[in-house]
PDB file of N, CA and C in Angstrom:
ATOM      1  N   MET A   1     106.663 117.797 106.504  1.00  0.00           N
ATOM      2  CA  MET A   1     105.703 117.112 106.182  1.00  0.00           C
ATOM      3  C   MET A   1     106.145 115.075 107.101  1.00  0.00           C
ATOM      4  N   SER A   2     105.383 114.837 107.918  1.00  0.00           N
ATOM      5  CA  SER A   2     105.696 113.418 108.200  1.00  0.00           C
ATOM      6  C   SER A   2     105.213 111.962 107.211  1.00  0.00           C
ATOM      7  N   VAL A   3     105.678 111.037 107.259  1.00  0.00           N
ATOM      8  CA  VAL A   3     104.622 109.835 106.829  1.00  0.00           C
ATOM      9  C   VAL A   3     104.649 108.963 107.686  1.00  0.00           C
ATOM     10  N   ALA A   4     102.895 108.470 107.483  1.00  0.00           N
ATOM     11  CA  ALA A   4     102.311 107.878 108.538  1.00  0.00           C
ATOM     12  C   ALA A   4     103.054 106.395 108.280  1.00  0.00           C
ATOM     13  N   LEU A   5     103.400 105.500 109.396  1.00  0.00           N
ATOM     14  CA  LEU A   5     103.967 104.055 109.123  1.00  0.00           C
ATOM     15  C   LEU A   5     102.658 103.440 109.070  1.00  0.00           C
ATOM     16  N   PRO A   6     102.603 101.836 108.088  1.00  0.00           N
ATOM     17  CA  PRO A   6     101.426 101.123 108.459  1.00  0.00           C
ATOM     18  C   PRO A   6     101.159 100.924 109.266  1.00  0.00           C
ATOM     19  N   MET A   7      99.973 100.262 110.179  1.00  0.00           N
ATOM     20  CA  MET A   7      99.498  99.214 111.203  1.00  0.00           C
ATOM     21  C   MET A   7      99.680  97.932 110.670  1.00  0.00           C
ATOM     22  N   VAL A   8     100.413  96.934 111.861  1.00  0.00           N
ATOM     23  CA  VAL A   8     100.803  95.318 111.256  1.00  0.00           C
ATOM     24  C   VAL A   8     100.235  95.057 112.509  1.00  0.00           C
ATOM     25  N   GLN A   9      99.766  94.172 112.514  1.00  0.00           N
ATOM     26  CA  GLN A   9      99.241  93.270 113.369  1.00  0.00           C
ATOM     27  C   GLN A   9     100.107  92.242 113.914  1.00  0.00           C
ATOM     28  N   CYS A  10     100.465  91.691 114.750  1.00  0.00           N
ATOM     29  CA  CYS A  10     101.557  90.855 115.386  1.00  0.00           C
ATOM     30  C   CYS A  10     100.871  88.824 115.310  1.00  0.00           C
ATOM     31  N   VAL A  11     101.768  88.414 114.609  1.00  0.00           N
ATOM     32  CA  VAL A  11     100.547  87.738 114.467  1.00  0.00           C
ATOM     33  C   VAL A  11     100.791  86.402 115.894  1.00  0.00           C
ATOM     34  N   LYS A  12     101.990  86.929 116.533  1.00  0.00           N
ATOM     35  CA  LYS A  12     101.539  86.108 117.305  1.00  0.00           C
ATOM     36  C   LYS A  12     101.407  86.694 118.711  1.00  0.00           C
ATOM     37  N   CYS A  13     101.136  87.761 119.224  1.00  0.00           N
ATOM     38  CA  CYS A  13     100.005  88.224 120.212  1.00  0.00           C
ATOM     39  C   CYS A  13      98.972  89.104 119.796  1.00  0.00           C
ATOM     40  N   LYS A  14      98.883  89.096 118.574  1.00  0.00           N
ATOM     41  CA  LYS A  14      97.536  90.235 118.252  1.00  0.00           C
ATOM     42  C   LYS A  14      98.005  91.564 118.237  1.00  0.00           C
ATOM     43  N   LYS A  15      98.782  92.041 118.755  1.00  0.00           N
ATOM     44  CA  LYS A  15      98.934  93.272 118.772  1.00  0.00           C
ATOM     45  C   LYS A  15      99.248  94.536 117.808  1.00  0.00           C
ATOM     46  N   TRP A  16      98.326  95.783 117.254  1.00  0.00           N
ATOM     47  CA  TRP A  16      98.727  96.604 116.502  1.00  0.00           C
ATOM     48  C   TRP A  16      99.980  97.309 116.799  1.00  0.00           C
ATOM     49  N   SER A  17     101.077  97.029 115.941  1.00  0.00           N
ATOM     50  CA  SER A  17     102.207  98.557 116.027  1.00  0.00           C
ATOM     51  C   SER A  17     102.445  99.185 114.627  1.00  0.00           C
ATOM     52  N   ALA A  18     103.043 100.011 114.391  1.00  0.00           N
ATOM     53  CA  ALA A  18     103.774 100.427 113.610  1.00  0.00           C
ATOM     54  C   ALA A  18     105.405 100.503 113.542  1.00  0.00           C
ATOM     55  N   GLY A  19     105.767  99.489 114.361  1.00  0.00           N
ATOM     56  CA  GLY A  19     107.336  99.468 114.499  1.00  0.00           C
ATOM     57  C   GLY A  19     107.848  98.458 113.336  1.00  0.00           C
ATOM     58  N   PRO A  20     108.872  98.100 113.343  1.00  0.00           N
ATOM     59  CA  PRO A  20     109.523  96.873 112.018  1.00  0.00           C
ATOM     60  C   PRO A  20     109.238  95.301 112.614  1.00  0.00           C
ATOM     61  N   HIS A  21     108.484  94.962 112.194  1.00  0.00           N
ATOM     62  CA  HIS A  21     108.007  93.268 112.319  1.00  0.00           C
ATOM     63  C   HIS A  21     109.368  92.440 111.350  1.00  0.00           C
ATOM     64  N   PHE A  22     108.844  91.001 112.029  1.00  0.00           N
ATOM     65  CA  PHE A  22     110.161  90.416 111.326  1.00  0.00           C
ATOM     66  C   PHE A  22     109.327  89.100 111.850  1.00  0.00           C
ATOM     67  N   ALA A  23     109.155  88.873 109.821  1.00  0.00           N
ATOM     68  CA  ALA A  23     108.167  87.730 110.367  1.00  0.00           C
ATOM     69  C   ALA A  23     107.031  87.576 110.566  1.00  0.00           C
ATOM     70  N   GLY A  24     105.962  88.583 110.645  1.00  0.00           N
ATOM     71  CA  GLY A  24     105.321  89.277 111.347  1.00  0.00           C
ATOM     72  C   GLY A  24     105.197  89.073 112.401  1.00  0.00           C
ATOM     73  N   TRP A  25     105.644  89.319 113.281  1.00  0.00           N
ATOM     74  CA  TRP A  25     106.483  89.283 114.801  1.00  0.00           C
ATOM     75  C   TRP A  25     106.614  90.621 115.302  1.00  0.00           C
ATOM     76  N   CYS A  26     105.724  91.018 116.154  1.00  0.00           N
ATOM     77  CA  CYS A  26     106.217  92.618 116.835  1.00  0.00           C
ATOM     78  C   CYS A  26     107.713  92.794 117.467  1.00  0.00           C
ATOM     79  N   ARG A  27     108.403  93.801 118.077  1.00  0.00           N
ATOM     80  CA  ARG A  27     109.582  93.554 118.538  1.00  0.00           C
ATOM     81  C   ARG A  27     109.443  92.948 120.103  1.00  0.00           C
ATOM     82  N   LEU A  28     108.599  93.434 120.300  1.00  0.00           N
ATOM     83  CA  LEU A  28     108.061  92.840 121.911  1.00  0.00           C
ATOM     84  C   LEU A  28     107.951  91.286 121.944  1.00  0.00           C
ATOM     85  N   CYS A  29     107.632  90.262 121.377  1.00  0.00           N
ATOM     86  CA  CYS A  29     107.848  88.954 121.219  1.00  0.00           C
ATOM     87  C   CYS A  29     109.061  88.631 120.510  1.00  0.00           C
ATOM     88  N   LEU A  30     109.652  89.334 119.394  1.00  0.00           N
ATOM     89  CA  LEU A  30     110.918  88.788 119.383  1.00  0.00           C
ATOM     90  C   LEU A  30     111.977  88.699 120.495  1.00  0.00           C
ATOM     91  N   VAL A  31     111.880  89.962 121.171  1.00  0.00           N
ATOM     92  CA  VAL A  31     112.498  89.773 122.144  1.00  0.00           C
ATOM     93  C   VAL A  31     112.362  88.626 123.612  1.00  0.00           C
ATOM     94  N   PHE A  32     110.852  89.059 124.008  1.00  0.00           N
ATOM     95  CA  PHE A  32     110.625  87.759 124.783  1.00  0.00           C
ATOM     96  C   PHE A  32     110.797  86.465 124.208  1.00  0.00           C
ATOM     97  N   MET A  33     111.445  86.313 123.383  1.00  0.00           N
ATOM     98  CA  MET A  33     111.290  84.944 122.659  1.00  0.00           C
ATOM     99  C   MET A  33     113.102  84.564 122.433  1.00  0.00           C
ATOM    100  N   GLY A  34     113.629  85.533 122.954  1.00  0.00           N
ATOM    101  CA  GLY A  34     115.386  85.702 122.750  1.00  0.00           C
ATOM    102  C   GLY A  34     115.850  86.143 121.629  1.00  0.00           C
ATOM    103  N   LEU A  35     115.564  86.877 121.155  1.00  0.00           N
ATOM    104  CA  LEU A  35     116.292  87.568 119.848  1.00  0.00           C
ATOM    105  C   LEU A  35     116.389  88.939 119.861  1.00  0.00           C
ATOM    106  N   ASP A  36     117.409  89.779 119.480  1.00  0.00           N
ATOM    107  CA  ASP A  36     117.176  90.633 119.559  1.00  0.00           C
ATOM    108  C   ASP A  36     117.261  91.760 118.338  1.00  0.00           C
ATOM    109  N   PRO A  37     116.053  92.263 117.983  1.00  0.00           N
ATOM    110  CA  PRO A  37     115.945  93.173 116.529  1.00  0.00           C
ATOM    111  C   PRO A  37     116.794  94.117 116.859  1.00  0.00           C
ATOM    112  N   ASP A  38     117.410  94.097 117.770  1.00  0.00           N
ATOM    113  CA  ASP A  38     118.290  95.918 117.707  1.00  0.00           C
ATOM    114  C   ASP A  38     119.793  95.187 116.682  1.00  0.00           C
ATOM    115  N   SER A  39     119.847  93.973 117.102  1.00  0.00           N
ATOM    116  CA  SER A  39     121.768  93.331 116.721  1.00  0.00           C
ATOM    117  C   SER A  39     121.938  93.055 115.025  1.00  0.00           C
ATOM    118  N   ASN A  40     119.857  93.521 114.611  1.00  0.00           N
ATOM    119  CA  ASN A  40     119.936  92.662 113.193  1.00  0.00           C
ATOM    120  C   ASN A  40     120.549  94.132 112.040  1.00  0.00           C
ATOM    121  N   PRO A  41     121.536  94.236 111.339  1.00  0.00           N
ATOM    122  CA  PRO A  41     122.097  94.983 110.869  1.00  0.00           C
ATOM    123  C   PRO A  41     120.554  95.685 109.673  1.00  0.00           C
ATOM    124  N   CYS A  42     119.297  94.648 109.501  1.00  0.00           N
ATOM    125  CA  CYS A  42     118.185  95.475 108.986  1.00  0.00           C
ATOM    126  C   CYS A  42     117.831  96.564 110.006  1.00  0.00           C
ATOM    127  N   HIS A  43     117.364  96.661 110.767  1.00  0.00           N
ATOM    128  CA  HIS A  43     117.388  97.278 111.917  1.00  0.00           C
ATOM    129  C   HIS A  43     118.238  98.945 112.796  1.00  0.00           C
ATOM    130  N   GLN A  44     119.466  98.745 111.854  1.00  0.00           N
ATOM    131  CA  GLN A  44     120.025  99.668 112.471  1.00  0.00           C
ATOM    132  C   GLN A  44     120.571 100.798 111.238  1.00  0.00           C
ATOM    133  N   GLU A  45     121.016 101.535 111.398  1.00  0.00           N
ATOM    134  CA  GLU A  45     121.374 102.791 111.273  1.00  0.00           C
ATOM    135  C   GLU A  45     123.303 102.854 110.829  1.00  0.00           C
ATOM    136  N   LYS A  46     123.521 103.167 109.870  1.00  0.00           N
ATOM    137  CA  LYS A  46     125.000 103.425 109.933  1.00  0.00           C
ATOM    138  C   LYS A  46     125.341 104.875 110.141  1.00  0.00           C
ATOM    139  N   LYS A  47     126.576 105.012 110.644  1.00  0.00           N
ATOM    140  CA  LYS A  47     127.089 106.737 110.974  1.00  0.00           C
ATOM    141  C   LYS A  47     126.604 108.258 110.401  1.00  0.00           C
ATOM    142  N   ASP A  48     126.558 107.715 109.083  1.00  0.00           N
ATOM    143  CA  ASP A  48     125.913 108.820 108.033  1.00  0.00           C
ATOM    144  C   ASP A  48     124.261 109.170 107.954  1.00  0.00           C
ATOM    145  N   GLY A  49     123.460 108.151 109.009  1.00  0.00           N
ATOM    146  CA  GLY A  49     122.429 108.307 108.854  1.00  0.00           C
ATOM    147  C   GLY A  49     121.453 107.172 107.894  1.00  0.00           C
ATOM    148  N   THR A  50     121.951 106.337 107.174  1.00  0.00           N
ATOM    149  CA  THR A  50     121.646 105.624 105.769  1.00  0.00           C
ATOM    150  C   THR A  50     121.258 104.456 106.710  1.00  0.00           C
ATOM    151  N   SER A  51     119.932 103.506 105.816  1.00  0.00           N
ATOM    152  CA  SER A  51     119.642 102.100 106.737  1.00  0.00           C
ATOM    153  C   SER A  51     120.925 101.209 105.998  1.00  0.00           C
ATOM    154  N   MET A  52     120.901 100.204 106.774  1.00  0.00           N
ATOM    155  CA  MET A  52     122.032  99.041 105.942  1.00  0.00           C
ATOM    156  C   MET A  52     121.420  98.077 105.830  1.00  0.00           C
ATOM    157  N   GLY A  53     119.568  98.274 106.010  1.00  0.00           N
ATOM    158  CA  GLY A  53     118.649  96.829 105.044  1.00  0.00           C
ATOM    159  C   GLY A  53     118.528  97.190 103.433  1.00  0.00           C
ATOM    160  N   VAL A  54     117.341  96.610 103.447  1.00  0.00           N
ATOM    161  CA  VAL A  54     116.874  96.864 102.501  1.00  0.00           C
ATOM    162  C   VAL A  54     116.801  98.462 101.734  1.00  0.00           C
ATOM    163  N   PRO A  55     117.405  98.917 100.179  1.00  0.00           N
ATOM    164  CA  PRO A  55     117.265  99.928 100.099  1.00  0.00           C
ATOM    165  C   PRO A  55     115.681 100.716  99.914  1.00  0.00           C
TER     166      PRO A  55
END
């Protein structure tokens, strides 16, 4: 069974996406502003597959 991710509208570009958001910004806007969302431990997984961010 798959779980649907909620769609969220980016506050900067107004695009809708289901990916991880930070402060209401989509991943593309974060990268465009020079931030690397992949370096944020909340968006990475440990080797055992568990999330390192919010439980």
